[in-house]
Amino acid sequence: MSKKRSVNVVVKSKYNGEPIERMIRRFNKKVKKEKIIEDFRENRYYEKPSERKKREARRKKKVLEKLRLKRENTLNKY
């Protein structure tokens, strides 16, 4: 099981009169870096451990296939 961690993302204005859009952009970057939304979406529904293993195996297989194709394409160029 993964540990539950509490993350507080705080964005303060860097200078007087900083546009709110820039602060929102900084906030979004921090949230993405902490993977808060990804964790929320992942834990929204219960996933059996066997299903999680299958999903991870499919993801790894896809990545390896992509790398293999890339390697073949670079070797065929020469």
PDB file of N, CA and C in Angstrom:
ATOM      1  N   MET A   1       0.831  -1.188   0.000  1.00  0.00           N
ATOM      2  CA  MET A   1       0.000   0.000   0.000  1.00  0.00           C
ATOM      3  C   MET A   1       0.872   1.246   0.000  1.00  0.00           C
ATOM      4  N   SER A   2       0.388   2.251  -0.682  1.00  0.00           N
ATOM      5  CA  SER A   2       1.131   3.505  -0.697  1.00  0.00           C
ATOM      6  C   SER A   2       0.778   4.318   0.543  1.00  0.00           C
ATOM      7  N   LYS A   3       1.734   5.070   0.995  1.00  0.00           N
ATOM      8  CA  LYS A   3       1.511   5.897   2.167  1.00  0.00           C
ATOM      9  C   LYS A   3       0.695   7.119   1.776  1.00  0.00           C
ATOM     10  N   LYS A   4      -0.230   7.464   2.632  1.00  0.00           N
ATOM     11  CA  LYS A   4      -0.996   8.689   2.418  1.00  0.00           C
ATOM     12  C   LYS A   4      -0.129   9.842   2.889  1.00  0.00           C
ATOM     13  N   ARG A   5      -0.019  10.835   2.048  1.00  0.00           N
ATOM     14  CA  ARG A   5       0.778  11.992   2.424  1.00  0.00           C
ATOM     15  C   ARG A   5      -0.065  13.234   2.201  1.00  0.00           C
ATOM     16  N   SER A   6       0.091  14.177   3.063  1.00  0.00           N
ATOM     17  CA  SER A   6      -0.654  15.408   2.882  1.00  0.00           C
ATOM     18  C   SER A   6       0.267  16.428   2.231  1.00  0.00           C
ATOM     19  N   VAL A   7      -0.257  17.057   1.209  1.00  0.00           N
ATOM     20  CA  VAL A   7       0.526  18.027   0.465  1.00  0.00           C
ATOM     21  C   VAL A   7      -0.262  19.323   0.429  1.00  0.00           C
ATOM     22  N   ASN A   8       0.374  20.380   0.866  1.00  0.00           N
ATOM     23  CA  ASN A   8      -0.236  21.698   0.786  1.00  0.00           C
ATOM     24  C   ASN A   8       0.511  22.505  -0.255  1.00  0.00           C
ATOM     25  N   VAL A   9      -0.194  22.884  -1.302  1.00  0.00           N
ATOM     26  CA  VAL A   9       0.417  23.684  -2.352  1.00  0.00           C
ATOM     27  C   VAL A   9       0.019  25.128  -2.099  1.00  0.00           C
ATOM     28  N   VAL A  10       1.018  25.958  -1.855  1.00  0.00           N
ATOM     29  CA  VAL A  10       0.774  27.372  -1.565  1.00  0.00           C
ATOM     30  C   VAL A  10       1.477  28.216  -2.612  1.00  0.00           C
ATOM     31  N   VAL A  11       0.741  29.174  -3.155  1.00  0.00           N
ATOM     32  CA  VAL A  11       1.321  30.090  -4.131  1.00  0.00           C
ATOM     33  C   VAL A  11       1.075  31.498  -3.631  1.00  0.00           C
ATOM     34  N   LYS A  12       2.177  32.219  -3.429  1.00  0.00           N
ATOM     35  CA  LYS A  12       2.057  33.605  -2.999  1.00  0.00           C
ATOM     36  C   LYS A  12       2.527  34.504  -4.127  1.00  0.00           C
ATOM     37  N   SER A  13       2.044  35.702  -4.129  1.00  0.00           N
ATOM     38  CA  SER A  13       2.436  36.639  -5.168  1.00  0.00           C
ATOM     39  C   SER A  13       3.907  37.003  -5.006  1.00  0.00           C
ATOM     40  N   LYS A  14       4.659  36.930  -6.125  1.00  0.00           N
ATOM     41  CA  LYS A  14       6.091  37.209  -6.077  1.00  0.00           C
ATOM     42  C   LYS A  14       6.372  38.697  -5.945  1.00  0.00           C
ATOM     43  N   TYR A  15       5.517  39.486  -6.522  1.00  0.00           N
ATOM     44  CA  TYR A  15       5.690  40.935  -6.450  1.00  0.00           C
ATOM     45  C   TYR A  15       4.315  41.591  -6.457  1.00  0.00           C
ATOM     46  N   ASN A  16       4.285  42.828  -6.081  1.00  0.00           N
ATOM     47  CA  ASN A  16       3.027  43.553  -5.999  1.00  0.00           C
ATOM     48  C   ASN A  16       2.444  43.742  -7.397  1.00  0.00           C
ATOM     49  N   GLY A  17       1.204  43.360  -7.564  1.00  0.00           N
ATOM     50  CA  GLY A  17       0.528  43.535  -8.846  1.00  0.00           C
ATOM     51  C   GLY A  17       0.767  42.395  -9.821  1.00  0.00           C
ATOM     52  N   GLU A  18       1.208  41.232  -9.330  1.00  0.00           N
ATOM     53  CA  GLU A  18       1.416  40.087 -10.223  1.00  0.00           C
ATOM     54  C   GLU A  18       0.062  39.608 -10.741  1.00  0.00           C
ATOM     55  N   PRO A  19      -0.044  39.364 -12.042  1.00  0.00           N
ATOM     56  CA  PRO A  19      -1.329  38.919 -12.607  1.00  0.00           C
ATOM     57  C   PRO A  19      -1.772  37.580 -12.008  1.00  0.00           C
ATOM     58  N   ILE A  20      -3.064  37.456 -11.788  1.00  0.00           N
ATOM     59  CA  ILE A  20      -3.624  36.241 -11.192  1.00  0.00           C
ATOM     60  C   ILE A  20      -3.414  35.039 -12.113  1.00  0.00           C
ATOM     61  N   GLU A  21      -3.406  35.279 -13.436  1.00  0.00           N
ATOM     62  CA  GLU A  21      -3.207  34.183 -14.390  1.00  0.00           C
ATOM     63  C   GLU A  21      -1.834  33.522 -14.192  1.00  0.00           C
ATOM     64  N   ARG A  22      -0.822  34.334 -13.908  1.00  0.00           N
ATOM     65  CA  ARG A  22       0.523  33.806 -13.688  1.00  0.00           C
ATOM     66  C   ARG A  22       0.568  32.986 -12.403  1.00  0.00           C
ATOM     67  N   MET A  23      -0.122  33.456 -11.367  1.00  0.00           N
ATOM     68  CA  MET A  23      -0.163  32.712 -10.110  1.00  0.00           C
ATOM     69  C   MET A  23      -0.888  31.380 -10.308  1.00  0.00           C
ATOM     70  N   ILE A  24      -1.956  31.385 -11.091  1.00  0.00           N
ATOM     71  CA  ILE A  24      -2.685  30.143 -11.365  1.00  0.00           C
ATOM     72  C   ILE A  24      -1.793  29.181 -12.131  1.00  0.00           C
ATOM     73  N   ARG A  25      -1.016  29.688 -13.090  1.00  0.00           N
ATOM     74  CA  ARG A  25      -0.105  28.852 -13.863  1.00  0.00           C
ATOM     75  C   ARG A  25       0.941  28.211 -12.945  1.00  0.00           C
ATOM     76  N   ARG A  26       1.485  29.005 -12.017  1.00  0.00           N
ATOM     77  CA  ARG A  26       2.466  28.472 -11.065  1.00  0.00           C
ATOM     78  C   ARG A  26       1.832  27.400 -10.179  1.00  0.00           C
ATOM     79  N   PHE A  27       0.586  27.662  -9.747  1.00  0.00           N
ATOM     80  CA  PHE A  27      -0.142  26.699  -8.922  1.00  0.00           C
ATOM     81  C   PHE A  27      -0.323  25.381  -9.679  1.00  0.00           C
ATOM     82  N   ASN A  28      -0.736  25.465 -10.936  1.00  0.00           N
ATOM     83  CA  ASN A  28      -0.936  24.258 -11.736  1.00  0.00           C
ATOM     84  C   ASN A  28       0.355  23.471 -11.895  1.00  0.00           C
ATOM     85  N   LYS A  29       1.478  24.163 -12.087  1.00  0.00           N
ATOM     86  CA  LYS A  29       2.767  23.484 -12.215  1.00  0.00           C
ATOM     87  C   LYS A  29       3.120  22.740 -10.935  1.00  0.00           C
ATOM     88  N   LYS A  30       2.887  23.379  -9.790  1.00  0.00           N
ATOM     89  CA  LYS A  30       3.197  22.734  -8.520  1.00  0.00           C
ATOM     90  C   LYS A  30       2.313  21.512  -8.293  1.00  0.00           C
ATOM     91  N   VAL A  31       1.036  21.614  -8.647  1.00  0.00           N
ATOM     92  CA  VAL A  31       0.113  20.496  -8.478  1.00  0.00           C
ATOM     93  C   VAL A  31       0.542  19.332  -9.364  1.00  0.00           C
ATOM     94  N   LYS A  32       0.940  19.622 -10.608  1.00  0.00           N
ATOM     95  CA  LYS A  32       1.396  18.560 -11.506  1.00  0.00           C
ATOM     96  C   LYS A  32       2.673  17.922 -10.986  1.00  0.00           C
ATOM     97  N   LYS A  33       3.581  18.735 -10.452  1.00  0.00           N
ATOM     98  CA  LYS A  33       4.846  18.216  -9.939  1.00  0.00           C
ATOM     99  C   LYS A  33       4.608  17.281  -8.760  1.00  0.00           C
ATOM    100  N   GLU A  34       3.674  17.603  -7.907  1.00  0.00           N
ATOM    101  CA  GLU A  34       3.357  16.771  -6.745  1.00  0.00           C
ATOM    102  C   GLU A  34       2.462  15.592  -7.105  1.00  0.00           C
ATOM    103  N   LYS A  35       1.964  15.542  -8.333  1.00  0.00           N
ATOM    104  CA  LYS A  35       1.098  14.463  -8.841  1.00  0.00           C
ATOM    105  C   LYS A  35      -0.157  14.290  -7.995  1.00  0.00           C
ATOM    106  N   ILE A  36      -0.736  15.388  -7.580  1.00  0.00           N
ATOM    107  CA  ILE A  36      -1.922  15.348  -6.736  1.00  0.00           C
ATOM    108  C   ILE A  36      -3.119  14.841  -7.530  1.00  0.00           C
ATOM    109  N   ILE A  37      -3.332  15.370  -8.716  1.00  0.00           N
ATOM    110  CA  ILE A  37      -4.488  14.993  -9.524  1.00  0.00           C
ATOM    111  C   ILE A  37      -4.356  13.546  -9.995  1.00  0.00           C
ATOM    112  N   GLU A  38      -3.139  13.132 -10.383  1.00  0.00           N
ATOM    113  CA  GLU A  38      -2.927  11.750 -10.815  1.00  0.00           C
ATOM    114  C   GLU A  38      -3.258  10.777  -9.685  1.00  0.00           C
ATOM    115  N   ASP A  39      -2.811  11.094  -8.467  1.00  0.00           N
ATOM    116  CA  ASP A  39      -3.110  10.235  -7.329  1.00  0.00           C
ATOM    117  C   ASP A  39      -4.606  10.169  -7.071  1.00  0.00           C
ATOM    118  N   PHE A  40      -5.284  11.292  -7.176  1.00  0.00           N
ATOM    119  CA  PHE A  40      -6.720  11.329  -6.948  1.00  0.00           C
ATOM    120  C   PHE A  40      -7.443  10.455  -7.966  1.00  0.00           C
ATOM    121  N   ARG A  41      -7.088  10.602  -9.237  1.00  0.00           N
ATOM    122  CA  ARG A  41      -7.752   9.816 -10.280  1.00  0.00           C
ATOM    123  C   ARG A  41      -7.453   8.331 -10.128  1.00  0.00           C
ATOM    124  N   GLU A  42      -6.230   8.014  -9.725  1.00  0.00           N
ATOM    125  CA  GLU A  42      -5.843   6.621  -9.557  1.00  0.00           C
ATOM    126  C   GLU A  42      -6.594   5.974  -8.407  1.00  0.00           C
ATOM    127  N   ASN A  43      -6.836   6.708  -7.349  1.00  0.00           N
ATOM    128  CA  ASN A  43      -7.475   6.154  -6.153  1.00  0.00           C
ATOM    129  C   ASN A  43      -8.973   6.399  -6.092  1.00  0.00           C
ATOM    130  N   ARG A  44      -9.545   6.889  -7.168  1.00  0.00           N
ATOM    131  CA  ARG A  44     -10.980   7.177  -7.173  1.00  0.00           C
ATOM    132  C   ARG A  44     -11.795   5.895  -6.993  1.00  0.00           C
ATOM    133  N   TYR A  45     -11.350   4.816  -7.628  1.00  0.00           N
ATOM    134  CA  TYR A  45     -12.037   3.533  -7.546  1.00  0.00           C
ATOM    135  C   TYR A  45     -11.050   2.480  -7.061  1.00  0.00           C
ATOM    136  N   TYR A  46     -11.576   1.480  -6.395  1.00  0.00           N
ATOM    137  CA  TYR A  46     -10.722   0.394  -5.931  1.00  0.00           C
ATOM    138  C   TYR A  46     -10.291  -0.438  -7.128  1.00  0.00           C
ATOM    139  N   GLU A  47      -9.020  -0.760  -7.149  1.00  0.00           N
ATOM    140  CA  GLU A  47      -8.478  -1.605  -8.203  1.00  0.00           C
ATOM    141  C   GLU A  47      -7.808  -2.808  -7.543  1.00  0.00           C
ATOM    142  N   LYS A  48      -8.234  -3.994  -7.963  1.00  0.00           N
ATOM    143  CA  LYS A  48      -7.656  -5.202  -7.396  1.00  0.00           C
ATOM    144  C   LYS A  48      -6.164  -5.242  -7.701  1.00  0.00           C
ATOM    145  N   PRO A  49      -5.373  -5.797  -6.795  1.00  0.00           N
ATOM    146  CA  PRO A  49      -3.933  -5.873  -7.033  1.00  0.00           C
ATOM    147  C   PRO A  49      -3.587  -6.597  -8.337  1.00  0.00           C
ATOM    148  N   SER A  50      -4.343  -7.630  -8.670  1.00  0.00           N
ATOM    149  CA  SER A  50      -4.065  -8.356  -9.917  1.00  0.00           C
ATOM    150  C   SER A  50      -4.314  -7.463 -11.128  1.00  0.00           C
ATOM    151  N   GLU A  51      -5.364  -6.648 -11.064  1.00  0.00           N
ATOM    152  CA  GLU A  51      -5.661  -5.724 -12.166  1.00  0.00           C
ATOM    153  C   GLU A  51      -4.578  -4.654 -12.290  1.00  0.00           C
ATOM    154  N   ARG A  52      -4.069  -4.199 -11.151  1.00  0.00           N
ATOM    155  CA  ARG A  52      -2.999  -3.203 -11.156  1.00  0.00           C
ATOM    156  C   ARG A  52      -1.737  -3.777 -11.803  1.00  0.00           C
ATOM    157  N   LYS A  53      -1.413  -5.040 -11.450  1.00  0.00           N
ATOM    158  CA  LYS A  53      -0.248  -5.695 -12.035  1.00  0.00           C
ATOM    159  C   LYS A  53      -0.413  -5.840 -13.545  1.00  0.00           C
ATOM    160  N   LYS A  54      -1.609  -6.220 -13.989  1.00  0.00           N
ATOM    161  CA  LYS A  54      -1.865  -6.364 -15.429  1.00  0.00           C
ATOM    162  C   LYS A  54      -1.718  -5.026 -16.139  1.00  0.00           C
ATOM    163  N   ARG A  55      -2.246  -3.970 -15.531  1.00  0.00           N
ATOM    164  CA  ARG A  55      -2.167  -2.644 -16.136  1.00  0.00           C
ATOM    165  C   ARG A  55      -0.711  -2.190 -16.254  1.00  0.00           C
ATOM    166  N   GLU A  56       0.051  -2.391 -15.193  1.00  0.00           N
ATOM    167  CA  GLU A  56       1.468  -2.007 -15.216  1.00  0.00           C
ATOM    168  C   GLU A  56       2.240  -2.827 -16.246  1.00  0.00           C
ATOM    169  N   ALA A  57       1.914  -4.123 -16.363  1.00  0.00           N
ATOM    170  CA  ALA A  57       2.599  -4.973 -17.335  1.00  0.00           C
ATOM    171  C   ALA A  57       2.291  -4.499 -18.759  1.00  0.00           C
ATOM    172  N   ARG A  58       1.028  -4.130 -19.017  1.00  0.00           N
ATOM    173  CA  ARG A  58       0.661  -3.616 -20.344  1.00  0.00           C
ATOM    174  C   ARG A  58       1.402  -2.324 -20.646  1.00  0.00           C
ATOM    175  N   ARG A  59       1.516  -1.459 -19.641  1.00  0.00           N
ATOM    176  CA  ARG A  59       2.215  -0.192 -19.829  1.00  0.00           C
ATOM    177  C   ARG A  59       3.695  -0.434 -20.140  1.00  0.00           C
ATOM    178  N   LYS A  60       4.326  -1.321 -19.385  1.00  0.00           N
ATOM    179  CA  LYS A  60       5.736  -1.625 -19.614  1.00  0.00           C
ATOM    180  C   LYS A  60       5.952  -2.229 -20.997  1.00  0.00           C
ATOM    181  N   LYS A  61       5.046  -3.134 -21.388  1.00  0.00           N
ATOM    182  CA  LYS A  61       5.149  -3.771 -22.699  1.00  0.00           C
ATOM    183  C   LYS A  61       5.046  -2.729 -23.805  1.00  0.00           C
ATOM    184  N   LYS A  62       4.142  -1.784 -23.633  1.00  0.00           N
ATOM    185  CA  LYS A  62       3.948  -0.715 -24.628  1.00  0.00           C
ATOM    186  C   LYS A  62       5.206   0.151 -24.742  1.00  0.00           C
ATOM    187  N   VAL A  63       5.798   0.500 -23.609  1.00  0.00           N
ATOM    188  CA  VAL A  63       7.009   1.328 -23.608  1.00  0.00           C
ATOM    189  C   VAL A  63       8.168   0.586 -24.268  1.00  0.00           C
ATOM    190  N   LEU A  64       8.326  -0.694 -23.933  1.00  0.00           N
ATOM    191  CA  LEU A  64       9.408  -1.476 -24.523  1.00  0.00           C
ATOM    192  C   LEU A  64       9.226  -1.631 -26.030  1.00  0.00           C
ATOM    193  N   GLU A  65       7.988  -1.824 -26.464  1.00  0.00           N
ATOM    194  CA  GLU A  65       7.714  -1.941 -27.897  1.00  0.00           C
ATOM    195  C   GLU A  65       8.049  -0.643 -28.625  1.00  0.00           C
ATOM    196  N   LYS A  66       7.706   0.466 -28.003  1.00  0.00           N
ATOM    197  CA  LYS A  66       8.003   1.766 -28.593  1.00  0.00           C
ATOM    198  C   LYS A  66       9.514   1.967 -28.718  1.00  0.00           C
ATOM    199  N   LEU A  67      10.259   1.600 -27.684  1.00  0.00           N
ATOM    200  CA  LEU A  67      11.715   1.713 -27.718  1.00  0.00           C
ATOM    201  C   LEU A  67      12.323   0.792 -28.781  1.00  0.00           C
ATOM    202  N   ARG A  68      11.788  -0.423 -28.890  1.00  0.00           N
ATOM    203  CA  ARG A  68      12.283  -1.370 -29.882  1.00  0.00           C
ATOM    204  C   ARG A  68      12.088  -0.828 -31.293  1.00  0.00           C
ATOM    205  N   LEU A  69      10.895  -0.272 -31.554  1.00  0.00           N
ATOM    206  CA  LEU A  69      10.619   0.298 -32.877  1.00  0.00           C
ATOM    207  C   LEU A  69      11.530   1.486 -33.162  1.00  0.00           C
ATOM    208  N   LYS A  70      11.763   2.302 -32.156  1.00  0.00           N
ATOM    209  CA  LYS A  70      12.640   3.454 -32.335  1.00  0.00           C
ATOM    210  C   LYS A  70      14.060   3.007 -32.653  1.00  0.00           C
ATOM    211  N   ARG A  71      14.535   1.982 -31.934  1.00  0.00           N
ATOM    212  CA  ARG A  71      15.865   1.457 -32.158  1.00  0.00           C
ATOM    213  C   ARG A  71      15.988   0.869 -33.566  1.00  0.00           C
ATOM    214  N   GLU A  72      14.968   0.130 -34.005  1.00  0.00           N
ATOM    215  CA  GLU A  72      14.979  -0.451 -35.357  1.00  0.00           C
ATOM    216  C   GLU A  72      15.005   0.634 -36.416  1.00  0.00           C
ATOM    217  N   ASN A  73      14.242   1.693 -36.201  1.00  0.00           N
ATOM    218  CA  ASN A  73      14.204   2.791 -37.175  1.00  0.00           C
ATOM    219  C   ASN A  73      15.546   3.492 -37.274  1.00  0.00           C
ATOM    220  N   THR A  74      16.227   3.669 -36.158  1.00  0.00           N
ATOM    221  CA  THR A  74      17.519   4.343 -36.200  1.00  0.00           C
ATOM    222  C   THR A  74      18.575   3.444 -36.846  1.00  0.00           C
ATOM    223  N   LEU A  75      18.483   2.131 -36.620  1.00  0.00           N
ATOM    224  CA  LEU A  75      19.450   1.209 -37.231  1.00  0.00           C
ATOM    225  C   LEU A  75      19.215   1.090 -38.740  1.00  0.00           C
ATOM    226  N   ASN A  76      17.961   1.175 -39.170  1.00  0.00           N
ATOM    227  CA  ASN A  76      17.651   1.073 -40.596  1.00  0.00           C
ATOM    228  C   ASN A  76      18.092   2.294 -41.393  1.00  0.00           C
ATOM    229  N   LYS A  77      18.280   3.399 -40.717  1.00  0.00           N
ATOM    230  CA  LYS A  77      18.705   4.626 -41.409  1.00  0.00           C
ATOM    231  C   LYS A  77      20.129   4.499 -41.920  1.00  0.00           C
ATOM    232  N   TYR A  78      20.957   3.729 -41.241  1.00  0.00           N
ATOM    233  CA  TYR A  78      22.377   3.654 -41.591  1.00  0.00           C
ATOM    234  C   TYR A  78      22.686   2.477 -42.462  1.00  0.00           C
TER     235      TYR A  78
END
